[in-house]
Amino acid sequence: MANYKSRILTEDEVTLIITTIRQGYGVHNPNKQVADILLIQSNTGLKNDEILDFDTNNIISENGVNRYCVDGKKYILTDTAMSIINEIGTGRLFTIKMQSFCIHLKNAARYLNMKNVSSESFRKYFAQKVLEESRSLETVRDYMQQGELKYIL
């Protein structure tokens, strides 16, 4: 997607990007779907393809913990993430294609004059948030379903 290292966003930056895309900016119309994808990504740490194919039928509850099952992985879904997902809908949530999604995000970041921003920045934001709350790399690994965290943190 990009040949630079995506940076970790702040909470204010995440909010600004999502709000800007949701409301529209410059010559770009509002795009609720892209805003919702970024909102889910910043609250779950899921990868682009996992979110673009997101289907609520793949959510299970294990011992009171909601998990999203995809490609043999079971991502933990926080109460906040579940609330966002439930508000968006049920079944397959998104119809946008990867290229279109990436273009929307790139245009919004450029409009806001933000450098080194990609969807990976939203995953990194989530991972950083989990690390700050838990103070445990193992917890971050559990949420991100990824053994190697050097590209995320």
Foldseek 3Di string as FASTA:
>chain_A
DDDDQAAADDPVVLVVLLVCQQCDDDPGHRDNQLSLLLVLCLQQLDDPVCLQQPAQVQWDADPNWIWRDDPNATATGDPVSVVSVVVQHHGGRHDDDPVVSQVSSVVSCVVVVHPRHGSLNSSLNNLVVQCVVPVDPVSSCRNNVDDDCPSRD
